Amino acid sequence: MIDFLKKYKEQIFNIITIFLILEFVIYPGLTTANTFYNIMAGIGFLLLIIWGGLALYNYVRSDNGGIVDKGELKEAEQMVKEVKKTTKKPAPKTKKVTNKEK
């Protein structure tokens, strides 16, 4: 259990922090009758979404424990860049016959 917590401590911290900010800052700020608090809470909510997206992006691309293996990603990029050589002969071009030539 301790190894699990050590491995994912940054993700656990981010999730708990985002939840607490939503619960005690954003939600009360959006439900008050004060327009200034509403605007500030909306800006805070957008910043929270950006922070959560960046944290998720960094987790996915991280070297230790990330979802995407960088070696496999480079191999896949090389496979996409390679151009397949066709062994099929191209179809001969046919001339269209018009009514005047018949």
PDB file of N, CA and C in Angstrom:
ATOM      1  N   MET A   1       0.823  -1.198   0.000  1.00  0.00           N
ATOM      2  CA  MET A   1       0.000   0.000   0.000  1.00  0.00           C
ATOM      3  C   MET A   1       0.864   1.258   0.000  1.00  0.00           C
ATOM      4  N   ILE A   2       1.967   1.212   0.736  1.00  0.00           N
ATOM      5  CA  ILE A   2       2.863   2.363   0.804  1.00  0.00           C
ATOM      6  C   ILE A   2       3.507   2.607  -0.561  1.00  0.00           C
ATOM      7  N   ASP A   3       3.876   1.526  -1.268  1.00  0.00           N
ATOM      8  CA  ASP A   3       4.468   1.684  -2.601  1.00  0.00           C
ATOM      9  C   ASP A   3       3.483   2.346  -3.555  1.00  0.00           C
ATOM     10  N   PHE A   4       2.219   1.959  -3.441  1.00  0.00           N
ATOM     11  CA  PHE A   4       1.178   2.552  -4.281  1.00  0.00           C
ATOM     12  C   PHE A   4       1.073   4.045  -4.010  1.00  0.00           C
ATOM     13  N   LEU A   5       1.086   4.422  -2.726  1.00  0.00           N
ATOM     14  CA  LEU A   5       0.981   5.838  -2.373  1.00  0.00           C
ATOM     15  C   LEU A   5       2.200   6.621  -2.832  1.00  0.00           C
ATOM     16  N   LYS A   6       3.379   6.013  -2.743  1.00  0.00           N
ATOM     17  CA  LYS A   6       4.592   6.699  -3.190  1.00  0.00           C
ATOM     18  C   LYS A   6       4.574   6.897  -4.700  1.00  0.00           C
ATOM     19  N   LYS A   7       4.083   5.881  -5.412  1.00  0.00           N
ATOM     20  CA  LYS A   7       4.084   5.946  -6.871  1.00  0.00           C
ATOM     21  C   LYS A   7       3.106   6.997  -7.391  1.00  0.00           C
ATOM     22  N   TYR A   8       1.958   7.120  -6.748  1.00  0.00           N
ATOM     23  CA  TYR A   8       0.900   7.996  -7.247  1.00  0.00           C
ATOM     24  C   TYR A   8       0.645   9.197  -6.346  1.00  0.00           C
ATOM     25  N   LYS A   9       1.629   9.615  -5.560  1.00  0.00           N
ATOM     26  CA  LYS A   9       1.400  10.702  -4.605  1.00  0.00           C
ATOM     27  C   LYS A   9       1.063  12.026  -5.294  1.00  0.00           C
ATOM     28  N   GLU A  10       1.664  12.306  -6.436  1.00  0.00           N
ATOM     29  CA  GLU A  10       1.364  13.560  -7.136  1.00  0.00           C
ATOM     30  C   GLU A  10      -0.067  13.565  -7.666  1.00  0.00           C
ATOM     31  N   GLN A  11      -0.517  12.434  -8.229  1.00  0.00           N
ATOM     32  CA  GLN A  11      -1.877  12.358  -8.743  1.00  0.00           C
ATOM     33  C   GLN A  11      -2.895  12.434  -7.607  1.00  0.00           C
ATOM     34  N   ILE A  12      -2.619  11.765  -6.495  1.00  0.00           N
ATOM     35  CA  ILE A  12      -3.517  11.812  -5.344  1.00  0.00           C
ATOM     36  C   ILE A  12      -3.604  13.240  -4.802  1.00  0.00           C
ATOM     37  N   PHE A  13      -2.460  13.914  -4.705  1.00  0.00           N
ATOM     38  CA  PHE A  13      -2.438  15.298  -4.245  1.00  0.00           C
ATOM     39  C   PHE A  13      -3.257  16.195  -5.161  1.00  0.00           C
ATOM     40  N   ASN A  14      -3.100  16.033  -6.477  1.00  0.00           N
ATOM     41  CA  ASN A  14      -3.850  16.858  -7.434  1.00  0.00           C
ATOM     42  C   ASN A  14      -5.352  16.631  -7.311  1.00  0.00           C
ATOM     43  N   ILE A  15      -5.779  15.387  -7.196  1.00  0.00           N
ATOM     44  CA  ILE A  15      -7.206  15.096  -7.116  1.00  0.00           C
ATOM     45  C   ILE A  15      -7.812  15.673  -5.835  1.00  0.00           C
ATOM     46  N   ILE A  16      -7.130  15.490  -4.706  1.00  0.00           N
ATOM     47  CA  ILE A  16      -7.645  16.010  -3.436  1.00  0.00           C
ATOM     48  C   ILE A  16      -7.687  17.532  -3.458  1.00  0.00           C
ATOM     49  N   THR A  17      -6.642  18.167  -3.990  1.00  0.00           N
ATOM     50  CA  THR A  17      -6.594  19.626  -4.044  1.00  0.00           C
ATOM     51  C   THR A  17      -7.688  20.184  -4.956  1.00  0.00           C
ATOM     52  N   ILE A  18      -7.884  19.590  -6.106  1.00  0.00           N
ATOM     53  CA  ILE A  18      -8.931  20.039  -7.022  1.00  0.00           C
ATOM     54  C   ILE A  18     -10.305  19.899  -6.372  1.00  0.00           C
ATOM     55  N   PHE A  19     -10.539  18.777  -5.690  1.00  0.00           N
ATOM     56  CA  PHE A  19     -11.827  18.582  -5.018  1.00  0.00           C
ATOM     57  C   PHE A  19     -12.053  19.649  -3.947  1.00  0.00           C
ATOM     58  N   LEU A  20     -11.036  19.926  -3.136  1.00  0.00           N
ATOM     59  CA  LEU A  20     -11.183  20.911  -2.068  1.00  0.00           C
ATOM     60  C   LEU A  20     -11.408  22.318  -2.619  1.00  0.00           C
ATOM     61  N   ILE A  21     -10.701  22.665  -3.691  1.00  0.00           N
ATOM     62  CA  ILE A  21     -10.902  23.984  -4.299  1.00  0.00           C
ATOM     63  C   ILE A  21     -12.315  24.095  -4.881  1.00  0.00           C
ATOM     64  N   LEU A  22     -12.779  23.035  -5.527  1.00  0.00           N
ATOM     65  CA  LEU A  22     -14.144  23.059  -6.060  1.00  0.00           C
ATOM     66  C   LEU A  22     -15.173  23.184  -4.939  1.00  0.00           C
ATOM     67  N   GLU A  23     -14.979  22.410  -3.883  1.00  0.00           N
ATOM     68  CA  GLU A  23     -15.966  22.354  -2.802  1.00  0.00           C
ATOM     69  C   GLU A  23     -16.039  23.635  -1.986  1.00  0.00           C
ATOM     70  N   PHE A  24     -14.893  24.224  -1.679  1.00  0.00           N
ATOM     71  CA  PHE A  24     -14.885  25.333  -0.731  1.00  0.00           C
ATOM     72  C   PHE A  24     -14.585  26.700  -1.338  1.00  0.00           C
ATOM     73  N   VAL A  25     -14.238  26.768  -2.634  1.00  0.00           N
ATOM     74  CA  VAL A  25     -13.951  28.065  -3.247  1.00  0.00           C
ATOM     75  C   VAL A  25     -14.854  28.308  -4.458  1.00  0.00           C
ATOM     76  N   ILE A  26     -14.825  27.418  -5.418  1.00  0.00           N
ATOM     77  CA  ILE A  26     -15.530  27.639  -6.683  1.00  0.00           C
ATOM     78  C   ILE A  26     -17.043  27.573  -6.484  1.00  0.00           C
ATOM     79  N   TYR A  27     -17.537  26.485  -5.903  1.00  0.00           N
ATOM     80  CA  TYR A  27     -18.984  26.336  -5.761  1.00  0.00           C
ATOM     81  C   TYR A  27     -19.606  27.453  -4.915  1.00  0.00           C
ATOM     82  N   PRO A  28     -19.071  27.769  -3.735  1.00  0.00           N
ATOM     83  CA  PRO A  28     -19.668  28.889  -2.983  1.00  0.00           C
ATOM     84  C   PRO A  28     -19.545  30.224  -3.717  1.00  0.00           C
ATOM     85  N   GLY A  29     -18.455  30.415  -4.465  1.00  0.00           N
ATOM     86  CA  GLY A  29     -18.294  31.664  -5.203  1.00  0.00           C
ATOM     87  C   GLY A  29     -19.296  31.813  -6.325  1.00  0.00           C
ATOM     88  N   LEU A  30     -19.688  30.705  -6.940  1.00  0.00           N
ATOM     89  CA  LEU A  30     -20.669  30.773  -8.030  1.00  0.00           C
ATOM     90  C   LEU A  30     -22.099  30.891  -7.527  1.00  0.00           C
ATOM     91  N   THR A  31     -22.350  30.515  -6.283  1.00  0.00           N
ATOM     92  CA  THR A  31     -23.722  30.544  -5.770  1.00  0.00           C
ATOM     93  C   THR A  31     -24.031  31.780  -4.925  1.00  0.00           C
ATOM     94  N   THR A  32     -23.072  32.666  -4.725  1.00  0.00           N
ATOM     95  CA  THR A  32     -23.354  33.880  -3.956  1.00  0.00           C
ATOM     96  C   THR A  32     -24.094  34.897  -4.829  1.00  0.00           C
ATOM     97  N   ALA A  33     -24.625  35.916  -4.173  1.00  0.00           N
ATOM     98  CA  ALA A  33     -25.372  36.956  -4.885  1.00  0.00           C
ATOM     99  C   ALA A  33     -24.468  38.090  -5.362  1.00  0.00           C
ATOM    100  N   ASN A  34     -23.208  38.034  -5.071  1.00  0.00           N
ATOM    101  CA  ASN A  34     -22.271  39.086  -5.429  1.00  0.00           C
ATOM    102  C   ASN A  34     -21.693  38.804  -6.822  1.00  0.00           C
ATOM    103  N   THR A  35     -21.830  39.735  -7.732  1.00  0.00           N
ATOM    104  CA  THR A  35     -21.356  39.547  -9.113  1.00  0.00           C
ATOM    105  C   THR A  35     -19.840  39.428  -9.171  1.00  0.00           C
ATOM    106  N   PHE A  36     -19.126  40.208  -8.390  1.00  0.00           N
ATOM    107  CA  PHE A  36     -17.661  40.143  -8.395  1.00  0.00           C
ATOM    108  C   PHE A  36     -17.182  38.756  -7.983  1.00  0.00           C
ATOM    109  N   TYR A  37     -17.801  38.168  -6.935  1.00  0.00           N
ATOM    110  CA  TYR A  37     -17.427  36.813  -6.506  1.00  0.00           C
ATOM    111  C   TYR A  37     -17.749  35.790  -7.591  1.00  0.00           C
ATOM    112  N   ASN A  38     -18.861  36.008  -8.264  1.00  0.00           N
ATOM    113  CA  ASN A  38     -19.226  35.094  -9.353  1.00  0.00           C
ATOM    114  C   ASN A  38     -18.193  35.110 -10.470  1.00  0.00           C
ATOM    115  N   ILE A  39     -17.757  36.293 -10.857  1.00  0.00           N
ATOM    116  CA  ILE A  39     -16.766  36.420 -11.936  1.00  0.00           C
ATOM    117  C   ILE A  39     -15.439  35.810 -11.508  1.00  0.00           C
ATOM    118  N   MET A  40     -15.008  36.093 -10.285  1.00  0.00           N
ATOM    119  CA  MET A  40     -13.741  35.534  -9.797  1.00  0.00           C
ATOM    120  C   MET A  40     -13.802  34.006  -9.686  1.00  0.00           C
ATOM    121  N   ALA A  41     -14.937  33.476  -9.263  1.00  0.00           N
ATOM    122  CA  ALA A  41     -15.096  32.021  -9.169  1.00  0.00           C
ATOM    123  C   ALA A  41     -15.096  31.391 -10.561  1.00  0.00           C
ATOM    124  N   GLY A  42     -15.693  32.064 -11.542  1.00  0.00           N
ATOM    125  CA  GLY A  42     -15.664  31.556 -12.917  1.00  0.00           C
ATOM    126  C   GLY A  42     -14.265  31.527 -13.478  1.00  0.00           C
ATOM    127  N   ILE A  43     -13.497  32.580 -13.226  1.00  0.00           N
ATOM    128  CA  ILE A  43     -12.095  32.611 -13.672  1.00  0.00           C
ATOM    129  C   ILE A  43     -11.301  31.521 -12.957  1.00  0.00           C
ATOM    130  N   GLY A  44     -11.544  31.361 -11.671  1.00  0.00           N
ATOM    131  CA  GLY A  44     -10.877  30.300 -10.910  1.00  0.00           C
ATOM    132  C   GLY A  44     -11.226  28.923 -11.432  1.00  0.00           C
ATOM    133  N   PHE A  45     -12.486  28.738 -11.826  1.00  0.00           N
ATOM    134  CA  PHE A  45     -12.906  27.453 -12.386  1.00  0.00           C
ATOM    135  C   PHE A  45     -12.187  27.160 -13.698  1.00  0.00           C
ATOM    136  N   LEU A  46     -12.055  28.154 -14.567  1.00  0.00           N
ATOM    137  CA  LEU A  46     -11.322  27.961 -15.830  1.00  0.00           C
ATOM    138  C   LEU A  46      -9.853  27.630 -15.569  1.00  0.00           C
ATOM    139  N   LEU A  47      -9.242  28.318 -14.610  1.00  0.00           N
ATOM    140  CA  LEU A  47      -7.855  28.014 -14.259  1.00  0.00           C
ATOM    141  C   LEU A  47      -7.718  26.610 -13.680  1.00  0.00           C
ATOM    142  N   LEU A  48      -8.719  26.198 -12.913  1.00  0.00           N
ATOM    143  CA  LEU A  48      -8.712  24.846 -12.353  1.00  0.00           C
ATOM    144  C   LEU A  48      -8.805  23.792 -13.452  1.00  0.00           C
ATOM    145  N   ILE A  49      -9.612  24.040 -14.466  1.00  0.00           N
ATOM    146  CA  ILE A  49      -9.720  23.112 -15.595  1.00  0.00           C
ATOM    147  C   ILE A  49      -8.390  23.029 -16.338  1.00  0.00           C
ATOM    148  N   ILE A  50      -7.745  24.166 -16.561  1.00  0.00           N
ATOM    149  CA  ILE A  50      -6.447  24.177 -17.242  1.00  0.00           C
ATOM    150  C   ILE A  50      -5.409  23.424 -16.419  1.00  0.00           C
ATOM    151  N   TRP A  51      -5.386  23.657 -15.104  1.00  0.00           N
ATOM    152  CA  TRP A  51      -4.433  22.972 -14.228  1.00  0.00           C
ATOM    153  C   TRP A  51      -4.668  21.459 -14.239  1.00  0.00           C
ATOM    154  N   GLY A  52      -5.925  21.050 -14.162  1.00  0.00           N
ATOM    155  CA  GLY A  52      -6.235  19.620 -14.203  1.00  0.00           C
ATOM    156  C   GLY A  52      -5.845  18.998 -15.526  1.00  0.00           C
ATOM    157  N   GLY A  53      -6.072  19.717 -16.628  1.00  0.00           N
ATOM    158  CA  GLY A  53      -5.671  19.203 -17.944  1.00  0.00           C
ATOM    159  C   GLY A  53      -4.171  19.064 -18.073  1.00  0.00           C
ATOM    160  N   LEU A  54      -3.438  20.039 -17.575  1.00  0.00           N
ATOM    161  CA  LEU A  54      -1.973  19.958 -17.628  1.00  0.00           C
ATOM    162  C   LEU A  54      -1.442  18.839 -16.741  1.00  0.00           C
ATOM    163  N   ALA A  55      -2.043  18.646 -15.580  1.00  0.00           N
ATOM    164  CA  ALA A  55      -1.627  17.562 -14.692  1.00  0.00           C
ATOM    165  C   ALA A  55      -1.884  16.215 -15.353  1.00  0.00           C
ATOM    166  N   LEU A  56      -3.025  16.072 -16.014  1.00  0.00           N
ATOM    167  CA  LEU A  56      -3.331  14.829 -16.717  1.00  0.00           C
ATOM    168  C   LEU A  56      -2.377  14.611 -17.881  1.00  0.00           C
ATOM    169  N   TYR A  57      -2.086  15.661 -18.639  1.00  0.00           N
ATOM    170  CA  TYR A  57      -1.151  15.556 -19.763  1.00  0.00           C
ATOM    171  C   TYR A  57       0.239  15.136 -19.275  1.00  0.00           C
ATOM    172  N   ASN A  58       0.707  15.748 -18.191  1.00  0.00           N
ATOM    173  CA  ASN A  58       2.020  15.394 -17.656  1.00  0.00           C
ATOM    174  C   ASN A  58       2.047  13.966 -17.158  1.00  0.00           C
ATOM    175  N   TYR A  59       0.954  13.495 -16.577  1.00  0.00           N
ATOM    176  CA  TYR A  59       0.908  12.106 -16.117  1.00  0.00           C
ATOM    177  C   TYR A  59       0.960  11.131 -17.289  1.00  0.00           C
ATOM    178  N   VAL A  60       0.212  11.423 -18.327  1.00  0.00           N
ATOM    179  CA  VAL A  60       0.169  10.525 -19.485  1.00  0.00           C
ATOM    180  C   VAL A  60       1.531  10.460 -20.169  1.00  0.00           C
ATOM    181  N   ARG A  61       2.230  11.575 -20.258  1.00  0.00           N
ATOM    182  CA  ARG A  61       3.512  11.629 -20.955  1.00  0.00           C
ATOM    183  C   ARG A  61       4.723  11.367 -20.052  1.00  0.00           C
ATOM    184  N   SER A  62       4.520  11.092 -18.768  1.00  0.00           N
ATOM    185  CA  SER A  62       5.647  10.953 -17.843  1.00  0.00           C
ATOM    186  C   SER A  62       6.433   9.673 -18.129  1.00  0.00           C
ATOM    187  N   ASP A  63       7.701   9.690 -17.749  1.00  0.00           N
ATOM    188  CA  ASP A  63       8.570   8.538 -17.961  1.00  0.00           C
ATOM    189  C   ASP A  63       8.284   7.409 -16.978  1.00  0.00           C
ATOM    190  N   ASN A  64       7.956   7.745 -15.748  1.00  0.00           N
ATOM    191  CA  ASN A  64       7.748   6.704 -14.741  1.00  0.00           C
ATOM    192  C   ASN A  64       6.261   6.562 -14.452  1.00  0.00           C
ATOM    193  N   GLY A  65       5.701   5.470 -14.909  1.00  0.00           N
ATOM    194  CA  GLY A  65       4.314   5.188 -14.594  1.00  0.00           C
ATOM    195  C   GLY A  65       3.297   5.820 -15.513  1.00  0.00           C
ATOM    196  N   GLY A  66       3.737   6.430 -16.587  1.00  0.00           N
ATOM    197  CA  GLY A  66       2.789   7.048 -17.500  1.00  0.00           C
ATOM    198  C   GLY A  66       2.048   6.016 -18.327  1.00  0.00           C
ATOM    199  N   ILE A  67       1.012   6.446 -18.968  1.00  0.00           N
ATOM    200  CA  ILE A  67       0.202   5.535 -19.768  1.00  0.00           C
ATOM    201  C   ILE A  67       0.879   5.242 -21.104  1.00  0.00           C
ATOM    202  N   VAL A  68       1.550   6.223 -21.684  1.00  0.00           N
ATOM    203  CA  VAL A  68       2.175   6.078 -22.990  1.00  0.00           C
ATOM    204  C   VAL A  68       3.651   5.736 -22.814  1.00  0.00           C
ATOM    205  N   ASP A  69       4.084   4.622 -23.430  1.00  0.00           N
ATOM    206  CA  ASP A  69       5.496   4.254 -23.404  1.00  0.00           C
ATOM    207  C   ASP A  69       6.204   5.022 -24.515  1.00  0.00           C
ATOM    208  N   LYS A  70       7.239   5.779 -24.154  1.00  0.00           N
ATOM    209  CA  LYS A  70       7.897   6.646 -25.144  1.00  0.00           C
ATOM    210  C   LYS A  70       8.555   5.844 -26.267  1.00  0.00           C
ATOM    211  N   GLY A  71       9.092   4.659 -25.954  1.00  0.00           N
ATOM    212  CA  GLY A  71       9.701   3.824 -26.988  1.00  0.00           C
ATOM    213  C   GLY A  71       8.675   3.368 -28.016  1.00  0.00           C
ATOM    214  N   GLU A  72       7.523   2.936 -27.520  1.00  0.00           N
ATOM    215  CA  GLU A  72       6.464   2.506 -28.428  1.00  0.00           C
ATOM    216  C   GLU A  72       5.926   3.682 -29.241  1.00  0.00           C
ATOM    217  N   LEU A  73       5.883   4.860 -28.629  1.00  0.00           N
ATOM    218  CA  LEU A  73       5.404   6.048 -29.333  1.00  0.00           C
ATOM    219  C   LEU A  73       6.340   6.418 -30.477  1.00  0.00           C
ATOM    220  N   LYS A  74       7.651   6.364 -30.238  1.00  0.00           N
ATOM    221  CA  LYS A  74       8.617   6.661 -31.303  1.00  0.00           C
ATOM    222  C   LYS A  74       8.534   5.630 -32.423  1.00  0.00           C
ATOM    223  N   GLU A  75       8.358   4.362 -32.039  1.00  0.00           N
ATOM    224  CA  GLU A  75       8.239   3.306 -33.040  1.00  0.00           C
ATOM    225  C   GLU A  75       6.988   3.509 -33.901  1.00  0.00           C
ATOM    226  N   ALA A  76       5.893   3.893 -33.272  1.00  0.00           N
ATOM    227  CA  ALA A  76       4.653   4.136 -34.017  1.00  0.00           C
ATOM    228  C   ALA A  76       4.800   5.340 -34.950  1.00  0.00           C
ATOM    229  N   GLU A  77       5.496   6.387 -34.501  1.00  0.00           N
ATOM    230  CA  GLU A  77       5.715   7.553 -35.350  1.00  0.00           C
ATOM    231  C   GLU A  77       6.560   7.192 -36.563  1.00  0.00           C
ATOM    232  N   GLN A  78       7.569   6.334 -36.377  1.00  0.00           N
ATOM    233  CA  GLN A  78       8.401   5.904 -37.501  1.00  0.00           C
ATOM    234  C   GLN A  78       7.600   5.075 -38.482  1.00  0.00           C
ATOM    235  N   MET A  79       6.711   4.237 -37.965  1.00  0.00           N
ATOM    236  CA  MET A  79       5.898   3.406 -38.854  1.00  0.00           C
ATOM    237  C   MET A  79       4.972   4.269 -39.702  1.00  0.00           C
ATOM    238  N   VAL A  80       4.456   5.342 -39.131  1.00  0.00           N
ATOM    239  CA  VAL A  80       3.571   6.228 -39.875  1.00  0.00           C
ATOM    240  C   VAL A  80       4.349   6.985 -40.940  1.00  0.00           C
ATOM    241  N   LYS A  81       5.587   7.361 -40.630  1.00  0.00           N
ATOM    242  CA  LYS A  81       6.387   8.140 -41.571  1.00  0.00           C
ATOM    243  C   LYS A  81       6.882   7.320 -42.753  1.00  0.00           C
ATOM    244  N   GLU A  82       7.042   6.014 -42.559  1.00  0.00           N
ATOM    245  CA  GLU A  82       7.521   5.177 -43.657  1.00  0.00           C
ATOM    246  C   GLU A  82       6.482   5.143 -44.777  1.00  0.00           C
ATOM    247  N   VAL A  83       6.961   5.246 -45.990  1.00  0.00           N
ATOM    248  CA  VAL A  83       6.070   5.217 -47.140  1.00  0.00           C
ATOM    249  C   VAL A  83       6.096   3.810 -47.718  1.00  0.00           C
ATOM    250  N   LYS A  84       4.922   3.239 -47.871  1.00  0.00           N
ATOM    251  CA  LYS A  84       4.842   1.907 -48.448  1.00  0.00           C
ATOM    252  C   LYS A  84       5.044   1.998 -49.955  1.00  0.00           C
ATOM    253  N   LYS A  85       5.850   1.103 -50.480  1.00  0.00           N
ATOM    254  CA  LYS A  85       6.031   1.049 -51.921  1.00  0.00           C
ATOM    255  C   LYS A  85       5.011   0.077 -52.484  1.00  0.00           C
ATOM    256  N   THR A  86       4.302   0.525 -53.497  1.00  0.00           N
ATOM    257  CA  THR A  86       3.282  -0.329 -54.089  1.00  0.00           C
ATOM    258  C   THR A  86       3.920  -1.215 -55.142  1.00  0.00           C
ATOM    259  N   THR A  87       3.493  -2.451 -55.189  1.00  0.00           N
ATOM    260  CA  THR A  87       3.984  -3.388 -56.198  1.00  0.00           C
ATOM    261  C   THR A  87       2.974  -3.536 -57.323  1.00  0.00           C
ATOM    262  N   LYS A  88       1.849  -2.920 -57.180  1.00  0.00           N
ATOM    263  CA  LYS A  88       0.819  -2.977 -58.193  1.00  0.00           C
ATOM    264  C   LYS A  88       1.166  -2.056 -59.351  1.00  0.00           C
ATOM    265  N   LYS A  89       0.890  -2.526 -60.546  1.00  0.00           N
ATOM    266  CA  LYS A  89       1.090  -1.672 -61.708  1.00  0.00           C
ATOM    267  C   LYS A  89      -0.072  -0.695 -61.783  1.00  0.00           C
ATOM    268  N   PRO A  90       0.217   0.542 -62.132  1.00  0.00           N
ATOM    269  CA  PRO A  90      -0.888   1.500 -62.248  1.00  0.00           C
ATOM    270  C   PRO A  90      -1.786   1.140 -63.428  1.00  0.00           C
ATOM    271  N   ALA A  91      -3.042   1.422 -63.298  1.00  0.00           N
ATOM    272  CA  ALA A  91      -4.003   1.125 -64.356  1.00  0.00           C
ATOM    273  C   ALA A  91      -3.720   2.009 -65.571  1.00  0.00           C
ATOM    274  N   PRO A  92      -3.806   1.435 -66.765  1.00  0.00           N
ATOM    275  CA  PRO A  92      -3.551   2.244 -67.956  1.00  0.00           C
ATOM    276  C   PRO A  92      -4.642   3.295 -68.123  1.00  0.00           C
ATOM    277  N   LYS A  93      -4.216   4.429 -68.631  1.00  0.00           N
ATOM    278  CA  LYS A  93      -5.175   5.513 -68.849  1.00  0.00           C
ATOM    279  C   LYS A  93      -5.958   5.224 -70.117  1.00  0.00           C
ATOM    280  N   THR A  94      -7.238   5.355 -70.044  1.00  0.00           N
ATOM    281  CA  THR A  94      -8.081   5.121 -71.212  1.00  0.00           C
ATOM    282  C   THR A  94      -8.569   6.457 -71.744  1.00  0.00           C
ATOM    283  N   LYS A  95      -8.696   6.476 -73.024  1.00  0.00           N
ATOM    284  CA  LYS A  95      -9.157   7.687 -73.671  1.00  0.00           C
ATOM    285  C   LYS A  95     -10.677   7.663 -73.736  1.00  0.00           C
ATOM    286  N   LYS A  96     -11.273   8.766 -73.363  1.00  0.00           N
ATOM    287  CA  LYS A  96     -12.724   8.850 -73.424  1.00  0.00           C
ATOM    288  C   LYS A  96     -13.170   8.990 -74.875  1.00  0.00           C
ATOM    289  N   VAL A  97     -14.202   8.246 -75.213  1.00  0.00           N
ATOM    290  CA  VAL A  97     -14.741   8.303 -76.557  1.00  0.00           C
ATOM    291  C   VAL A  97     -15.955   9.211 -76.532  1.00  0.00           C
ATOM    292  N   THR A  98     -15.918  10.189 -77.409  1.00  0.00           N
ATOM    293  CA  THR A  98     -17.056  11.120 -77.478  1.00  0.00           C
ATOM    294  C   THR A  98     -17.980  10.708 -78.599  1.00  0.00           C
ATOM    295  N   ASN A  99     -19.122  11.312 -78.687  1.00  0.00           N
ATOM    296  CA  ASN A  99     -20.114  10.991 -79.702  1.00  0.00           C
ATOM    297  C   ASN A  99     -19.624  11.343 -81.108  1.00  0.00           C
ATOM    298  N   LYS A 100     -18.798  12.361 -81.258  1.00  0.00           N
ATOM    299  CA  LYS A 100     -18.314  12.778 -82.567  1.00  0.00           C
ATOM    300  C   LYS A 100     -17.324  11.776 -83.135  1.00  0.00           C
ATOM    301  N   GLU A 101     -16.586  11.077 -82.284  1.00  0.00           N
ATOM    302  CA  GLU A 101     -15.566  10.131 -82.766  1.00  0.00           C
ATOM    303  C   GLU A 101     -16.186   8.810 -83.166  1.00  0.00           C
ATOM    304  N   LYS A 102     -17.404   8.491 -82.758  1.00  0.00           N
ATOM    305  CA  LYS A 102     -18.009   7.219 -83.083  1.00  0.00           C
ATOM    306  C   LYS A 102     -18.387   7.146 -84.484  1.00  0.00           C
TER     307      LYS A 102
END
